[in-house]
C-alpha cells in the first residue's frame, strides 16, 4: 500500500480592502469571470466569489447575509464576551480561594 504524502497547507494570506475591491471590479467587467480573474491573479476562485458576494451584500444588491459592518460588530462582541467570561472565571476561582482561606 502506498503512503500518501500530505500536502502542506498554503500559508494564509491577507489582502487589503482596496485590493479586494479592485478584484471585484475586475470580475464585474464584461467578459470576465471569477475563475478567470482568480487564475490571472493567483487567487482561489472561492475567495474571489466570496469577495464579490460580500461586496454585493454591502452595496445592498443582495440580502442573504450580514454586511461587513455587522460582521465586524459580531467579531467585536464575541471578543468582548470571551474576555468577560475569562474575567468571571478568574473571579470565581478567587472567591473559592478566599472562601477556603477564611475557614
PDB file of N, CA and C in Angstrom:
ATOM      1  N   UNK A   1       0.848  -1.178   0.000  1.00  0.00           N
ATOM      2  CA  UNK A   1       0.000   0.000   0.000  1.00  0.00           C
ATOM      3  C   UNK A   1       0.893   1.241   0.000  1.00  0.00           C
ATOM      4  N   UNK A   2       0.564   2.165  -0.837  1.00  0.00           N
ATOM      5  CA  UNK A   2       1.348   3.392  -0.928  1.00  0.00           C
ATOM      6  C   UNK A   2       1.020   4.319   0.232  1.00  0.00           C
ATOM      7  N   UNK A   3       2.027   5.017   0.659  1.00  0.00           N
ATOM      8  CA  UNK A   3       1.766   6.024   1.687  1.00  0.00           C
ATOM      9  C   UNK A   3       1.453   7.335   0.990  1.00  0.00           C
ATOM     10  N   UNK A   4       0.432   7.944   1.449  1.00  0.00           N
ATOM     11  CA  UNK A   4       0.018   9.203   0.838  1.00  0.00           C
ATOM     12  C   UNK A   4       0.753  10.350   1.522  1.00  0.00           C
ATOM     13  N   UNK A   5       1.387  11.156   0.733  1.00  0.00           N
ATOM     14  CA  UNK A   5       2.053  12.322   1.288  1.00  0.00           C
ATOM     15  C   UNK A   5       1.021  13.417   1.512  1.00  0.00           C
ATOM     16  N   UNK A   6       1.130  14.023   2.648  1.00  0.00           N
ATOM     17  CA  UNK A   6       0.212  15.122   2.942  1.00  0.00           C
ATOM     18  C   UNK A   6       0.716  16.384   2.275  1.00  0.00           C
ATOM     19  N   UNK A   7      -0.215  17.085   1.676  1.00  0.00           N
ATOM     20  CA  UNK A   7       0.136  18.367   1.093  1.00  0.00           C
ATOM     21  C   UNK A   7       0.313  19.371   2.215  1.00  0.00           C
ATOM     22  N   UNK A   8       1.311  20.209   2.070  1.00  0.00           N
ATOM     23  CA  UNK A   8       1.493  21.264   3.057  1.00  0.00           C
ATOM     24  C   UNK A   8       0.426  22.316   2.800  1.00  0.00           C
ATOM     25  N   UNK A   9      -0.203  22.781   3.870  1.00  0.00           N
ATOM     26  CA  UNK A   9      -1.237  23.804   3.663  1.00  0.00           C
ATOM     27  C   UNK A   9      -0.619  25.095   3.136  1.00  0.00           C
ATOM     28  N   UNK A  10      -1.362  25.739   2.283  1.00  0.00           N
ATOM     29  CA  UNK A  10      -0.927  27.018   1.726  1.00  0.00           C
ATOM     30  C   UNK A  10      -0.911  28.042   2.859  1.00  0.00           C
ATOM     31  N   UNK A  11       0.134  28.835   2.953  1.00  0.00           N
ATOM     32  CA  UNK A  11       0.148  29.850   4.019  1.00  0.00           C
ATOM     33  C   UNK A  11      -1.003  30.834   3.845  1.00  0.00           C
ATOM     34  N   UNK A  12      -1.605  31.197   4.942  1.00  0.00           N
ATOM     35  CA  UNK A  12      -2.753  32.101   4.898  1.00  0.00           C
ATOM     36  C   UNK A  12      -2.286  33.496   4.507  1.00  0.00           C
ATOM     37  N   UNK A  13      -2.922  34.037   3.508  1.00  0.00           N
ATOM     38  CA  UNK A  13      -2.581  35.375   3.040  1.00  0.00           C
ATOM     39  C   UNK A  13      -3.696  36.331   3.432  1.00  0.00           C
ATOM     40  N   UNK A  14      -3.338  37.578   3.607  1.00  0.00           N
ATOM     41  CA  UNK A  14      -4.366  38.582   3.887  1.00  0.00           C
ATOM     42  C   UNK A  14      -4.262  39.676   2.824  1.00  0.00           C
ATOM     43  N   UNK A  15      -5.384  40.224   2.500  1.00  0.00           N
ATOM     44  CA  UNK A  15      -5.465  41.220   1.438  1.00  0.00           C
ATOM     45  C   UNK A  15      -6.161  42.465   1.964  1.00  0.00           C
ATOM     46  N   UNK A  16      -5.759  43.597   1.451  1.00  0.00           N
ATOM     47  CA  UNK A  16      -6.364  44.858   1.884  1.00  0.00           C
ATOM     48  C   UNK A  16      -7.766  44.997   1.281  1.00  0.00           C
ATOM     49  N   UNK A  17      -8.604  45.774   1.922  1.00  0.00           N
ATOM     50  CA  UNK A  17      -9.936  46.018   1.353  1.00  0.00           C
ATOM     51  C   UNK A  17      -9.858  46.656  -0.036  1.00  0.00           C
ATOM     52  N   UNK A  18      -8.843  47.483  -0.262  1.00  0.00           N
ATOM     53  CA  UNK A  18      -8.689  48.128  -1.572  1.00  0.00           C
ATOM     54  C   UNK A  18      -8.405  47.085  -2.660  1.00  0.00           C
ATOM     55  N   UNK A  19      -7.533  46.123  -2.338  1.00  0.00           N
ATOM     56  CA  UNK A  19      -7.212  45.066  -3.304  1.00  0.00           C
ATOM     57  C   UNK A  19      -8.460  44.247  -3.617  1.00  0.00           C
ATOM     58  N   UNK A  20      -9.204  43.896  -2.580  1.00  0.00           N
ATOM     59  CA  UNK A  20     -10.427  43.120  -2.783  1.00  0.00           C
ATOM     60  C   UNK A  20     -11.413  43.876  -3.664  1.00  0.00           C
ATOM     61  N   UNK A  21     -11.535  45.182  -3.427  1.00  0.00           N
ATOM     62  CA  UNK A  21     -12.453  45.993  -4.231  1.00  0.00           C
ATOM     63  C   UNK A  21     -12.018  46.018  -5.692  1.00  0.00           C
ATOM     64  N   UNK A  22     -10.709  46.102  -5.930  1.00  0.00           N
ATOM     65  CA  UNK A  22     -10.207  46.082  -7.309  1.00  0.00           C
ATOM     66  C   UNK A  22     -10.499  44.751  -7.984  1.00  0.00           C
ATOM     67  N   UNK A  23     -10.341  43.662  -7.250  1.00  0.00           N
ATOM     68  CA  UNK A  23     -10.627  42.334  -7.802  1.00  0.00           C
ATOM     69  C   UNK A  23     -12.107  42.225  -8.149  1.00  0.00           C
ATOM     70  N   UNK A  24     -12.966  42.723  -7.266  1.00  0.00           N
ATOM     71  CA  UNK A  24     -14.417  42.677  -7.522  1.00  0.00           C
ATOM     72  C   UNK A  24     -14.749  43.482  -8.771  1.00  0.00           C
ATOM     73  N   UNK A  25     -14.120  44.634  -8.934  1.00  0.00           N
ATOM     74  CA  UNK A  25     -14.363  45.442 -10.130  1.00  0.00           C
ATOM     75  C   UNK A  25     -13.917  44.692 -11.390  1.00  0.00           C
ATOM     76  N   UNK A  26     -12.817  43.965 -11.312  1.00  0.00           N
ATOM     77  CA  UNK A  26     -12.374  43.168 -12.464  1.00  0.00           C
ATOM     78  C   UNK A  26     -13.409  42.099 -12.818  1.00  0.00           C
ATOM     79  N   UNK A  27     -13.956  41.445 -11.788  1.00  0.00           N
ATOM     80  CA  UNK A  27     -14.950  40.384 -12.010  1.00  0.00           C
ATOM     81  C   UNK A  27     -16.196  40.955 -12.672  1.00  0.00           C
ATOM     82  N   UNK A  28     -16.544  42.185 -12.339  1.00  0.00           N
ATOM     83  CA  UNK A  28     -17.769  42.790 -12.878  1.00  0.00           C
ATOM     84  C   UNK A  28     -17.612  43.310 -14.300  1.00  0.00           C
ATOM     85  N   UNK A  29     -16.402  43.334 -14.825  1.00  0.00           N
ATOM     86  CA  UNK A  29     -16.214  43.782 -16.201  1.00  0.00           C
ATOM     87  C   UNK A  29     -16.795  42.747 -17.160  1.00  0.00           C
ATOM     88  N   UNK A  30     -17.355  43.216 -18.271  1.00  0.00           N
ATOM     89  CA  UNK A  30     -17.940  42.280 -19.246  1.00  0.00           C
ATOM     90  C   UNK A  30     -16.884  41.298 -19.757  1.00  0.00           C
ATOM     91  N   UNK A  31     -17.272  40.053 -19.837  1.00  0.00           N
ATOM     92  CA  UNK A  31     -16.388  39.017 -20.359  1.00  0.00           C
ATOM     93  C   UNK A  31     -15.445  38.421 -19.327  1.00  0.00           C
ATOM     94  N   UNK A  32     -15.469  38.931 -18.105  1.00  0.00           N
ATOM     95  CA  UNK A  32     -14.601  38.408 -17.044  1.00  0.00           C
ATOM     96  C   UNK A  32     -15.410  37.506 -16.132  1.00  0.00           C
ATOM     97  N   UNK A  33     -14.776  36.432 -15.675  1.00  0.00           N
ATOM     98  CA  UNK A  33     -15.410  35.524 -14.723  1.00  0.00           C
ATOM     99  C   UNK A  33     -14.566  35.477 -13.461  1.00  0.00           C
ATOM    100  N   UNK A  34     -15.179  35.025 -12.376  1.00  0.00           N
ATOM    101  CA  UNK A  34     -14.451  34.915 -11.119  1.00  0.00           C
ATOM    102  C   UNK A  34     -13.284  33.944 -11.271  1.00  0.00           C
ATOM    103  N   UNK A  35     -13.515  32.847 -11.967  1.00  0.00           N
ATOM    104  CA  UNK A  35     -12.454  31.862 -12.173  1.00  0.00           C
ATOM    105  C   UNK A  35     -11.298  32.421 -12.983  1.00  0.00           C
ATOM    106  N   UNK A  36     -11.626  33.160 -14.034  1.00  0.00           N
ATOM    107  CA  UNK A  36     -10.593  33.744 -14.883  1.00  0.00           C
ATOM    108  C   UNK A  36      -9.760  34.783 -14.146  1.00  0.00           C
ATOM    109  N   UNK A  37     -10.417  35.640 -13.400  1.00  0.00           N
ATOM    110  CA  UNK A  37      -9.719  36.668 -12.633  1.00  0.00           C
ATOM    111  C   UNK A  37      -8.850  36.005 -11.565  1.00  0.00           C
ATOM    112  N   UNK A  38      -9.387  34.978 -10.918  1.00  0.00           N
ATOM    113  CA  UNK A  38      -8.632  34.268  -9.879  1.00  0.00           C
ATOM    114  C   UNK A  38      -7.355  33.665 -10.457  1.00  0.00           C
ATOM    115  N   UNK A  39      -7.468  33.023 -11.621  1.00  0.00           N
ATOM    116  CA  UNK A  39      -6.275  32.427 -12.258  1.00  0.00           C
ATOM    117  C   UNK A  39      -5.258  33.496 -12.628  1.00  0.00           C
ATOM    118  N   UNK A  40      -5.733  34.613 -13.177  1.00  0.00           N
ATOM    119  CA  UNK A  40      -4.828  35.699 -13.584  1.00  0.00           C
ATOM    120  C   UNK A  40      -4.033  36.243 -12.407  1.00  0.00           C
ATOM    121  N   UNK A  41      -4.675  36.324 -11.241  1.00  0.00           N
ATOM    122  CA  UNK A  41      -4.050  36.961 -10.087  1.00  0.00           C
ATOM    123  C   UNK A  41      -3.469  35.964  -9.077  1.00  0.00           C
ATOM    124  N   UNK A  42      -3.606  34.683  -9.360  1.00  0.00           N
ATOM    125  CA  UNK A  42      -3.074  33.673  -8.445  1.00  0.00           C
ATOM    126  C   UNK A  42      -3.865  33.549  -7.151  1.00  0.00           C
ATOM    127  N   UNK A  43      -5.165  33.751  -7.261  1.00  0.00           N
ATOM    128  CA  UNK A  43      -6.058  33.657  -6.112  1.00  0.00           C
ATOM    129  C   UNK A  43      -6.931  32.424  -6.263  1.00  0.00           C
ATOM    130  N   UNK A  44      -7.640  32.073  -5.192  1.00  0.00           N
ATOM    131  CA  UNK A  44      -8.597  30.974  -5.309  1.00  0.00           C
ATOM    132  C   UNK A  44      -9.923  31.528  -5.812  1.00  0.00           C
ATOM    133  N   UNK A  45     -10.586  30.733  -6.621  1.00  0.00           N
ATOM    134  CA  UNK A  45     -11.881  31.156  -7.156  1.00  0.00           C
ATOM    135  C   UNK A  45     -12.888  31.354  -6.030  1.00  0.00           C
ATOM    136  N   UNK A  46     -12.796  30.510  -5.008  1.00  0.00           N
ATOM    137  CA  UNK A  46     -13.704  30.622  -3.867  1.00  0.00           C
ATOM    138  C   UNK A  46     -13.577  31.976  -3.189  1.00  0.00           C
ATOM    139  N   UNK A  47     -12.342  32.435  -2.986  1.00  0.00           N
ATOM    140  CA  UNK A  47     -12.121  33.730  -2.335  1.00  0.00           C
ATOM    141  C   UNK A  47     -12.685  34.860  -3.188  1.00  0.00           C
ATOM    142  N   UNK A  48     -12.430  34.805  -4.489  1.00  0.00           N
ATOM    143  CA  UNK A  48     -12.906  35.872  -5.377  1.00  0.00           C
ATOM    144  C   UNK A  48     -14.428  35.913  -5.372  1.00  0.00           C
ATOM    145  N   UNK A  49     -15.062  34.747  -5.424  1.00  0.00           N
ATOM    146  CA  UNK A  49     -16.530  34.710  -5.387  1.00  0.00           C
ATOM    147  C   UNK A  49     -17.057  35.258  -4.060  1.00  0.00           C
ATOM    148  N   UNK A  50     -16.401  34.915  -2.954  1.00  0.00           N
ATOM    149  CA  UNK A  50     -16.828  35.396  -1.637  1.00  0.00           C
ATOM    150  C   UNK A  50     -16.691  36.911  -1.547  1.00  0.00           C
ATOM    151  N   UNK A  51     -15.601  37.460  -2.082  1.00  0.00           N
ATOM    152  CA  UNK A  51     -15.416  38.913  -2.066  1.00  0.00           C
ATOM    153  C   UNK A  51     -16.502  39.604  -2.877  1.00  0.00           C
ATOM    154  N   UNK A  52     -16.829  39.034  -4.033  1.00  0.00           N
ATOM    155  CA  UNK A  52     -17.864  39.631  -4.882  1.00  0.00           C
ATOM    156  C   UNK A  52     -19.222  39.569  -4.182  1.00  0.00           C
ATOM    157  N   UNK A  53     -19.504  38.450  -3.546  1.00  0.00           N
ATOM    158  CA  UNK A  53     -20.773  38.305  -2.829  1.00  0.00           C
ATOM    159  C   UNK A  53     -20.856  39.314  -1.691  1.00  0.00           C
ATOM    160  N   UNK A  54     -19.767  39.444  -0.908  1.00  0.00           N
ATOM    161  CA  UNK A  54     -19.769  40.376   0.215  1.00  0.00           C
ATOM    162  C   UNK A  54     -19.906  41.812  -0.265  1.00  0.00           C
ATOM    163  N   UNK A  55     -19.293  42.136  -1.394  1.00  0.00           N
ATOM    164  CA  UNK A  55     -19.418  43.487  -1.955  1.00  0.00           C
ATOM    165  C   UNK A  55     -20.865  43.765  -2.350  1.00  0.00           C
ATOM    166  N   UNK A  56     -21.541  42.765  -2.914  1.00  0.00           N
ATOM    167  CA  UNK A  56     -22.952  42.918  -3.284  1.00  0.00           C
ATOM    168  C   UNK A  56     -23.824  43.105  -2.038  1.00  0.00           C
ATOM    169  N   UNK A  57     -23.525  42.363  -0.977  1.00  0.00           N
ATOM    170  CA  UNK A  57     -24.289  42.497   0.275  1.00  0.00           C
ATOM    171  C   UNK A  57     -24.082  43.896   0.851  1.00  0.00           C
ATOM    172  N   UNK A  58     -22.819  44.345   0.885  1.00  0.00           N
ATOM    173  CA  UNK A  58     -22.518  45.667   1.438  1.00  0.00           C
ATOM    174  C   UNK A  58     -23.166  46.787   0.630  1.00  0.00           C
ATOM    175  N   UNK A  59     -23.291  46.580  -0.682  1.00  0.00           N
ATOM    176  CA  UNK A  59     -23.879  47.597  -1.555  1.00  0.00           C
ATOM    177  C   UNK A  59     -25.410  47.536  -1.562  1.00  0.00           C
ATOM    178  N   UNK A  60     -25.987  46.524  -0.921  1.00  0.00           N
ATOM    179  CA  UNK A  60     -27.436  46.406  -0.859  1.00  0.00           C
ATOM    180  C   UNK A  60     -28.048  45.677  -2.043  1.00  0.00           C
ATOM    181  N   UNK A  61     -27.216  45.103  -2.908  1.00  0.00           N
ATOM    182  CA  UNK A  61     -27.738  44.359  -4.062  1.00  0.00           C
ATOM    183  C   UNK A  61     -28.176  42.946  -3.680  1.00  0.00           C
ATOM    184  N   UNK A  62     -27.716  42.473  -2.521  1.00  0.00           N
ATOM    185  CA  UNK A  62     -28.111  41.149  -2.012  1.00  0.00           C
ATOM    186  C   UNK A  62     -28.484  41.320  -0.547  1.00  0.00           C
ATOM    187  N   UNK A  63     -29.301  40.397  -0.058  1.00  0.00           N
ATOM    188  CA  UNK A  63     -29.673  40.479   1.355  1.00  0.00           C
ATOM    189  C   UNK A  63     -29.595  39.105   2.020  1.00  0.00           C
ATOM    190  N   UNK A  64     -28.737  38.244   1.501  1.00  0.00           N
ATOM    191  CA  UNK A  64     -28.659  36.881   2.028  1.00  0.00           C
ATOM    192  C   UNK A  64     -27.488  36.679   2.979  1.00  0.00           C
ATOM    193  N   UNK A  65     -27.092  37.740   3.678  1.00  0.00           N
ATOM    194  CA  UNK A  65     -26.016  37.613   4.650  1.00  0.00           C
ATOM    195  C   UNK A  65     -25.766  38.935   5.345  1.00  0.00           C
ATOM    196  N   UNK A  66     -24.945  38.888   6.401  1.00  0.00           N
ATOM    197  CA  UNK A  66     -24.648  40.122   7.131  1.00  0.00           C
ATOM    198  C   UNK A  66     -23.657  41.004   6.372  1.00  0.00           C
ATOM    199  N   UNK A  67     -23.775  42.307   6.571  1.00  0.00           N
ATOM    200  CA  UNK A  67     -22.844  43.238   5.939  1.00  0.00           C
ATOM    201  C   UNK A  67     -21.489  43.157   6.643  1.00  0.00           C
ATOM    202  N   UNK A  68     -20.481  43.743   6.027  1.00  0.00           N
ATOM    203  CA  UNK A  68     -19.148  43.755   6.635  1.00  0.00           C
ATOM    204  C   UNK A  68     -19.174  44.463   7.982  1.00  0.00           C
ATOM    205  N   UNK A  69     -19.963  45.509   8.073  1.00  0.00           N
ATOM    206  CA  UNK A  69     -20.091  46.239   9.335  1.00  0.00           C
ATOM    207  C   UNK A  69     -20.685  45.344  10.412  1.00  0.00           C
ATOM    208  N   UNK A  70     -21.709  44.578  10.059  1.00  0.00           N
ATOM    209  CA  UNK A  70     -22.330  43.667  11.011  1.00  0.00           C
ATOM    210  C   UNK A  70     -21.353  42.554  11.411  1.00  0.00           C
ATOM    211  N   UNK A  71     -20.576  42.053  10.459  1.00  0.00           N
ATOM    212  CA  UNK A  71     -19.590  41.022  10.764  1.00  0.00           C
ATOM    213  C   UNK A  71     -18.531  41.547  11.732  1.00  0.00           C
ATOM    214  N   UNK A  72     -18.097  42.787  11.524  1.00  0.00           N
ATOM    215  CA  UNK A  72     -17.094  43.384  12.412  1.00  0.00           C
ATOM    216  C   UNK A  72     -17.665  43.559  13.821  1.00  0.00           C
ATOM    217  N   UNK A  73     -18.917  43.979  13.901  1.00  0.00           N
ATOM    218  CA  UNK A  73     -19.538  44.151  15.211  1.00  0.00           C
ATOM    219  C   UNK A  73     -19.688  42.810  15.924  1.00  0.00           C
ATOM    220  N   UNK A  74     -20.069  41.769  15.194  1.00  0.00           N
ATOM    221  CA  UNK A  74     -20.193  40.446  15.809  1.00  0.00           C
ATOM    222  C   UNK A  74     -18.842  39.955  16.325  1.00  0.00           C
ATOM    223  N   UNK A  75     -17.779  40.189  15.556  1.00  0.00           N
ATOM    224  CA  UNK A  75     -16.438  39.784  15.995  1.00  0.00           C
ATOM    225  C   UNK A  75     -16.049  40.539  17.266  1.00  0.00           C
ATOM    226  N   UNK A  76     -16.337  41.833  17.311  1.00  0.00           N
ATOM    227  CA  UNK A  76     -16.027  42.635  18.491  1.00  0.00           C
ATOM    228  C   UNK A  76     -16.803  42.137  19.708  1.00  0.00           C
ATOM    229  N   UNK A  77     -18.088  41.836  19.505  1.00  0.00           N
ATOM    230  CA  UNK A  77     -18.920  41.359  20.610  1.00  0.00           C
ATOM    231  C   UNK A  77     -18.485  39.978  21.092  1.00  0.00           C
ATOM    232  N   UNK A  78     -18.069  39.111  20.170  1.00  0.00           N
ATOM    233  CA  UNK A  78     -17.561  37.787  20.571  1.00  0.00           C
ATOM    234  C   UNK A  78     -16.305  37.933  21.426  1.00  0.00           C
ATOM    235  N   UNK A  79     -15.415  38.834  21.024  1.00  0.00           N
ATOM    236  CA  UNK A  79     -14.190  39.073  21.784  1.00  0.00           C
ATOM    237  C   UNK A  79     -14.526  39.609  23.165  1.00  0.00           C
ATOM    238  N   UNK A  80     -15.449  40.562  23.211  1.00  0.00           N
ATOM    239  CA  UNK A  80     -15.866  41.149  24.486  1.00  0.00           C
ATOM    240  C   UNK A  80     -16.478  40.086  25.395  1.00  0.00           C
ATOM    241  N   UNK A  81     -17.299  39.204  24.832  1.00  0.00           N
ATOM    242  CA  UNK A  81     -17.923  38.137  25.609  1.00  0.00           C
ATOM    243  C   UNK A  81     -16.873  37.163  26.132  1.00  0.00           C
ATOM    244  N   UNK A  82     -15.909  36.804  25.288  1.00  0.00           N
ATOM    245  CA  UNK A  82     -14.843  35.886  25.697  1.00  0.00           C
ATOM    246  C   UNK A  82     -14.056  36.480  26.872  1.00  0.00           C
ATOM    247  N   UNK A  83     -13.741  37.778  26.779  1.00  0.00           N
ATOM    248  CA  UNK A  83     -12.999  38.440  27.857  1.00  0.00           C
ATOM    249  C   UNK A  83     -13.826  38.499  29.138  1.00  0.00           C
ATOM    250  N   UNK A  84     -15.117  38.774  29.028  1.00  0.00           N
ATOM    251  CA  UNK A  84     -15.992  38.831  30.204  1.00  0.00           C
ATOM    252  C   UNK A  84     -16.084  37.459  30.870  1.00  0.00           C
ATOM    253  N   UNK A  85     -16.154  36.394  30.066  1.00  0.00           N
ATOM    254  CA  UNK A  85     -16.192  35.042  30.635  1.00  0.00           C
ATOM    255  C   UNK A  85     -14.886  34.706  31.335  1.00  0.00           C
ATOM    256  N   UNK A  86     -13.756  35.108  30.749  1.00  0.00           N
ATOM    257  CA  UNK A  86     -12.464  34.867  31.393  1.00  0.00           C
ATOM    258  C   UNK A  86     -12.388  35.596  32.726  1.00  0.00           C
ATOM    259  N   UNK A  87     -12.843  36.851  32.753  1.00  0.00           N
ATOM    260  CA  UNK A  87     -12.838  37.622  33.994  1.00  0.00           C
ATOM    261  C   UNK A  87     -13.733  36.970  35.039  1.00  0.00           C
ATOM    262  N   UNK A  88     -14.900  36.496  34.611  1.00  0.00           N
ATOM    263  CA  UNK A  88     -15.825  35.827  35.526  1.00  0.00           C
ATOM    264  C   UNK A  88     -15.191  34.579  36.118  1.00  0.00           C
ATOM    265  N   UNK A  89     -14.519  33.794  35.274  1.00  0.00           N
ATOM    266  CA  UNK A  89     -13.881  32.564  35.750  1.00  0.00           C
ATOM    267  C   UNK A  89     -12.764  32.868  36.741  1.00  0.00           C
ATOM    268  N   UNK A  90     -12.004  33.927  36.480  1.00  0.00           N
ATOM    269  CA  UNK A  90     -10.939  34.323  37.409  1.00  0.00           C
ATOM    270  C   UNK A  90     -11.539  34.723  38.752  1.00  0.00           C
ATOM    271  N   UNK A  91     -12.628  35.490  38.710  1.00  0.00           N
ATOM    272  CA  UNK A  91     -13.285  35.909  39.953  1.00  0.00           C
ATOM    273  C   UNK A  91     -13.866  34.718  40.710  1.00  0.00           C
ATOM    274  N   UNK A  92     -14.406  33.745  39.991  1.00  0.00           N
ATOM    275  CA  UNK A  92     -14.937  32.537  40.647  1.00  0.00           C
ATOM    276  C   UNK A  92     -13.829  31.814  41.397  1.00  0.00           C
ATOM    277  N   UNK A  93     -12.663  31.679  40.736  1.00  0.00           N
ATOM    278  CA  UNK A  93     -11.541  30.997  41.384  1.00  0.00           C
ATOM    279  C   UNK A  93     -11.046  31.788  42.592  1.00  0.00           C
ATOM    280  N   UNK A  94     -11.029  33.109  42.479  1.00  0.00           N
ATOM    281  CA  UNK A  94     -10.589  33.940  43.595  1.00  0.00           C
ATOM    282  C   UNK A  94     -11.539  33.796  44.781  1.00  0.00           C
ATOM    283  N   UNK A  95     -12.843  33.809  44.526  1.00  0.00           N
ATOM    284  CA  UNK A  95     -13.824  33.650  45.596  1.00  0.00           C
ATOM    285  C   UNK A  95     -13.647  32.294  46.268  1.00  0.00           C
ATOM    286  N   UNK A  96     -13.461  31.246  45.481  1.00  0.00           N
ATOM    287  CA  UNK A  96     -13.270  29.911  46.053  1.00  0.00           C
ATOM    288  C   UNK A  96     -11.989  29.866  46.887  1.00  0.00           C
ATOM    289  N   UNK A  97     -10.930  30.491  46.395  1.00  0.00           N
ATOM    290  CA  UNK A  97      -9.666  30.508  47.125  1.00  0.00           C
ATOM    291  C   UNK A  97      -9.817  31.215  48.467  1.00  0.00           C
ATOM    292  N   UNK A  98     -10.417  32.404  48.467  1.00  0.00           N
ATOM    293  CA  UNK A  98     -10.565  33.155  49.697  1.00  0.00           C
ATOM    294  C   UNK A  98     -11.565  32.523  50.648  1.00  0.00           C
ATOM    295  N   UNK A  99     -12.550  31.812  50.115  1.00  0.00           N
ATOM    296  CA  UNK A  99     -13.501  31.117  50.972  1.00  0.00           C
ATOM    297  C   UNK A  99     -12.788  30.012  51.750  1.00  0.00           C
ATOM    298  N   UNK A 100     -11.850  29.304  51.101  1.00  0.00           N
ATOM    299  CA  UNK A 100     -11.078  28.257  51.786  1.00  0.00           C
ATOM    300  C   UNK A 100     -10.132  28.856  52.819  1.00  0.00           C
ATOM    301  N   UNK A 101      -9.552  30.008  52.501  1.00  0.00           N
ATOM    302  CA  UNK A 101      -8.570  30.646  53.379  1.00  0.00           C
ATOM    303  C   UNK A 101      -9.203  31.201  54.644  1.00  0.00           C
ATOM    304  N   UNK A 102     -10.458  31.595  54.598  1.00  0.00           N
ATOM    305  CA  UNK A 102     -11.089  32.211  55.767  1.00  0.00           C
ATOM    306  C   UNK A 102     -11.665  31.196  56.717  1.00  0.00           C
ATOM    307  N   UNK A 103     -11.706  29.924  56.361  1.00  0.00           N
ATOM    308  CA  UNK A 103     -12.263  28.900  57.252  1.00  0.00           C
ATOM    309  C   UNK A 103     -11.290  28.523  58.310  1.00  0.00           C
TER     310      UNK A 103
END
